[in-house]
Amino acid sequence: MDTFRFERLPADHRPPAVRLLLELAYTSTMAKQLIVELDEPLARELERVAPARSRQRSPFVRAALRRALDELAEARMADAYRAQPDLEPAHFDPRLWEPRAGRRTSGRRRR
């Protein structure tokens, strides 16, 4: 005999307690929660661009954190290259990169 599975119901047909449990089960296995204190002006600006009720705040904050972390990684890499530059110039053969004279570059193919 099949058992009834609430997760197969459309979300708006599930009892609130079941929706909460399914959401908690999903989010607890997929992500860590982080509590961050914001000053009042920053909190107001965040509310303006990503209101809490619109369900856009978490993706917005995740994207902002990803961008900030990527910028820090890029800065660290640039610092490392400045601290220990390459001793030899990189080999570059422009013939490999420039189109040959007389070649069509319009993107259309001849028949």
C-alpha atoms as a PDB file:
ATOM      1  CA  MET A   1       0.000   0.000   0.000  1.00  0.00           C
ATOM      2  CA  ASP A   2       1.323   3.468  -0.916  1.00  0.00           C
ATOM      3  CA  THR A   3       1.827   6.003   1.839  1.00  0.00           C
ATOM      4  CA  PHE A   4       0.590   9.551   1.436  1.00  0.00           C
ATOM      5  CA  ARG A   5       3.424  11.961   0.676  1.00  0.00           C
ATOM      6  CA  PHE A   6       2.851  15.635   1.454  1.00  0.00           C
ATOM      7  CA  GLU A   7       5.818  16.753  -0.667  1.00  0.00           C
ATOM      8  CA  ARG A   8       3.935  15.611  -3.779  1.00  0.00           C
ATOM      9  CA  LEU A   9       1.131  18.072  -3.080  1.00  0.00           C
ATOM     10  CA  PRO A  10       1.386  21.551  -4.609  1.00  0.00           C
ATOM     11  CA  ALA A  11       2.871  23.924  -2.020  1.00  0.00           C
ATOM     12  CA  ASP A  12      -0.359  25.889  -1.567  1.00  0.00           C
ATOM     13  CA  HIS A  13      -2.277  22.666  -0.709  1.00  0.00           C
ATOM     14  CA  ARG A  14       0.080  21.534   2.043  1.00  0.00           C
ATOM     15  CA  PRO A  15      -0.777  22.209   5.688  1.00  0.00           C
ATOM     16  CA  PRO A  16       1.342  25.069   7.122  1.00  0.00           C
ATOM     17  CA  ALA A  17       3.170  22.766   9.540  1.00  0.00           C
ATOM     18  CA  VAL A  18       4.124  20.442   6.677  1.00  0.00           C
ATOM     19  CA  ARG A  19       5.324  23.386   4.555  1.00  0.00           C
ATOM     20  CA  LEU A  20       7.489  24.570   7.427  1.00  0.00           C
ATOM     21  CA  LEU A  21       8.969  21.121   8.048  1.00  0.00           C
ATOM     22  CA  LEU A  22       9.728  20.564   4.358  1.00  0.00           C
ATOM     23  CA  GLU A  23      11.328  24.006   4.081  1.00  0.00           C
ATOM     24  CA  LEU A  24      13.422  23.435   7.210  1.00  0.00           C
ATOM     25  CA  ALA A  25      14.508  20.016   5.984  1.00  0.00           C
ATOM     26  CA  TYR A  26      15.546  21.505   2.639  1.00  0.00           C
ATOM     27  CA  THR A  27      17.361  24.556   3.968  1.00  0.00           C
ATOM     28  CA  SER A  28      19.090  22.776   6.820  1.00  0.00           C
ATOM     29  CA  THR A  29      20.681  20.307   4.424  1.00  0.00           C
ATOM     30  CA  MET A  30      21.589  22.838   1.764  1.00  0.00           C
ATOM     31  CA  ALA A  31      22.902  25.914   3.566  1.00  0.00           C
ATOM     32  CA  LYS A  32      24.238  27.354   6.776  1.00  0.00           C
ATOM     33  CA  GLN A  33      22.493  30.220   8.473  1.00  0.00           C
ATOM     34  CA  LEU A  34      24.434  33.351   9.291  1.00  0.00           C
ATOM     35  CA  ILE A  35      23.370  36.164  11.599  1.00  0.00           C
ATOM     36  CA  VAL A  36      24.776  39.557  10.641  1.00  0.00           C
ATOM     37  CA  GLU A  37      24.246  42.830  12.472  1.00  0.00           C
ATOM     38  CA  LEU A  38      23.687  45.857  10.229  1.00  0.00           C
ATOM     39  CA  ASP A  39      23.645  49.520  11.143  1.00  0.00           C
ATOM     40  CA  GLU A  40      20.338  51.300  10.580  1.00  0.00           C
ATOM     41  CA  PRO A  41      21.207  53.094   7.284  1.00  0.00           C
ATOM     42  CA  LEU A  42      22.527  49.872   5.725  1.00  0.00           C
ATOM     43  CA  ALA A  43      19.475  47.915   6.931  1.00  0.00           C
ATOM     44  CA  ARG A  44      17.125  50.522   5.414  1.00  0.00           C
ATOM     45  CA  GLU A  45      18.962  50.415   2.081  1.00  0.00           C
ATOM     46  CA  LEU A  46      18.876  46.616   2.071  1.00  0.00           C
ATOM     47  CA  GLU A  47      15.133  46.698   2.789  1.00  0.00           C
ATOM     48  CA  ARG A  48      14.690  49.124  -0.123  1.00  0.00           C
ATOM     49  CA  VAL A  49      16.562  47.021  -2.700  1.00  0.00           C
ATOM     50  CA  ALA A  50      15.738  43.530  -1.383  1.00  0.00           C
ATOM     51  CA  PRO A  51      12.667  43.559   0.856  1.00  0.00           C
ATOM     52  CA  ALA A  52      12.428  40.676   3.305  1.00  0.00           C
ATOM     53  CA  ARG A  53       8.894  39.793   2.190  1.00  0.00           C
ATOM     54  CA  SER A  54       9.826  39.534  -1.493  1.00  0.00           C
ATOM     55  CA  ARG A  55      12.013  36.432  -0.947  1.00  0.00           C
ATOM     56  CA  GLN A  56      14.823  38.271  -2.765  1.00  0.00           C
ATOM     57  CA  ARG A  57      16.945  39.128   0.249  1.00  0.00           C
ATOM     58  CA  SER A  58      18.838  35.856   0.641  1.00  0.00           C
ATOM     59  CA  PRO A  59      19.839  35.599  -3.037  1.00  0.00           C
ATOM     60  CA  PHE A  60      20.838  39.280  -2.975  1.00  0.00           C
ATOM     61  CA  VAL A  61      23.018  38.850   0.127  1.00  0.00           C
ATOM     62  CA  ARG A  62      24.552  35.632  -1.225  1.00  0.00           C
ATOM     63  CA  ALA A  63      25.438  37.378  -4.511  1.00  0.00           C
ATOM     64  CA  ALA A  64      26.925  40.363  -2.652  1.00  0.00           C
ATOM     65  CA  LEU A  65      29.035  38.070  -0.460  1.00  0.00           C
ATOM     66  CA  ARG A  66      30.182  36.028  -3.466  1.00  0.00           C
ATOM     67  CA  ARG A  67      31.203  39.203  -5.301  1.00  0.00           C
ATOM     68  CA  ALA A  68      33.070  40.578  -2.264  1.00  0.00           C
ATOM     69  CA  LEU A  69      34.889  37.269  -1.704  1.00  0.00           C
ATOM     70  CA  ASP A  70      35.815  37.041  -5.395  1.00  0.00           C
ATOM     71  CA  GLU A  71      37.183  40.607  -5.318  1.00  0.00           C
ATOM     72  CA  LEU A  72      39.304  39.745  -2.255  1.00  0.00           C
ATOM     73  CA  ALA A  73      40.650  36.624  -3.968  1.00  0.00           C
ATOM     74  CA  GLU A  74      41.516  38.667  -7.078  1.00  0.00           C
ATOM     75  CA  ALA A  75      43.292  41.289  -4.941  1.00  0.00           C
ATOM     76  CA  ARG A  76      45.294  38.594  -3.108  1.00  0.00           C
ATOM     77  CA  MET A  77      46.283  37.033  -6.427  1.00  0.00           C
ATOM     78  CA  ALA A  78      47.353  40.406  -7.838  1.00  0.00           C
ATOM     79  CA  ASP A  79      49.412  41.055  -4.690  1.00  0.00           C
ATOM     80  CA  ALA A  80      51.071  37.639  -5.050  1.00  0.00           C
ATOM     81  CA  TYR A  81      51.985  38.334  -8.685  1.00  0.00           C
ATOM     82  CA  ARG A  82      53.408  41.749  -7.725  1.00  0.00           C
ATOM     83  CA  ALA A  83      55.416  40.188  -4.892  1.00  0.00           C
ATOM     84  CA  GLN A  84      56.793  37.427  -7.130  1.00  0.00           C
ATOM     85  CA  PRO A  85      56.594  38.497 -10.786  1.00  0.00           C
ATOM     86  CA  ASP A  86      57.394  36.189 -13.661  1.00  0.00           C
ATOM     87  CA  LEU A  87      61.099  36.295 -14.461  1.00  0.00           C
ATOM     88  CA  GLU A  88      60.652  35.664 -18.169  1.00  0.00           C
ATOM     89  CA  PRO A  89      58.210  37.456 -20.438  1.00  0.00           C
ATOM     90  CA  ALA A  90      55.310  35.323 -21.555  1.00  0.00           C
ATOM     91  CA  HIS A  91      55.708  33.787 -24.996  1.00  0.00           C
ATOM     92  CA  PHE A  92      53.397  35.473 -27.436  1.00  0.00           C
ATOM     93  CA  ASP A  93      53.177  34.754 -31.131  1.00  0.00           C
ATOM     94  CA  PRO A  94      50.789  37.288 -32.710  1.00  0.00           C
ATOM     95  CA  ARG A  95      50.462  35.128 -35.827  1.00  0.00           C
ATOM     96  CA  LEU A  96      48.453  32.686 -33.716  1.00  0.00           C
ATOM     97  CA  TRP A  97      45.981  35.341 -32.660  1.00  0.00           C
ATOM     98  CA  GLU A  98      45.578  37.666 -35.619  1.00  0.00           C
ATOM     99  CA  PRO A  99      43.387  36.617 -38.558  1.00  0.00           C
ATOM    100  CA  ARG A 100      45.286  35.900 -41.749  1.00  0.00           C
ATOM    101  CA  ALA A 101      45.107  38.537 -44.459  1.00  0.00           C
ATOM    102  CA  GLY A 102      42.369  37.879 -46.982  1.00  0.00           C
ATOM    103  CA  ARG A 103      40.212  35.781 -44.670  1.00  0.00           C
ATOM    104  CA  ARG A 104      36.576  36.639 -44.335  1.00  0.00           C
ATOM    105  CA  THR A 105      35.594  37.712 -40.839  1.00  0.00           C
ATOM    106  CA  SER A 106      31.916  38.479 -41.400  1.00  0.00           C
ATOM    107  CA  GLY A 107      30.806  35.168 -39.935  1.00  0.00           C
ATOM    108  CA  ARG A 108      29.031  34.108 -43.136  1.00  0.00           C
ATOM    109  CA  ARG A 109      30.152  30.959 -44.832  1.00  0.00           C
ATOM    110  CA  ARG A 110      30.865  30.685 -48.544  1.00  0.00           C
ATOM    111  CA  ARG A 111      29.200  27.934 -50.498  1.00  0.00           C
END
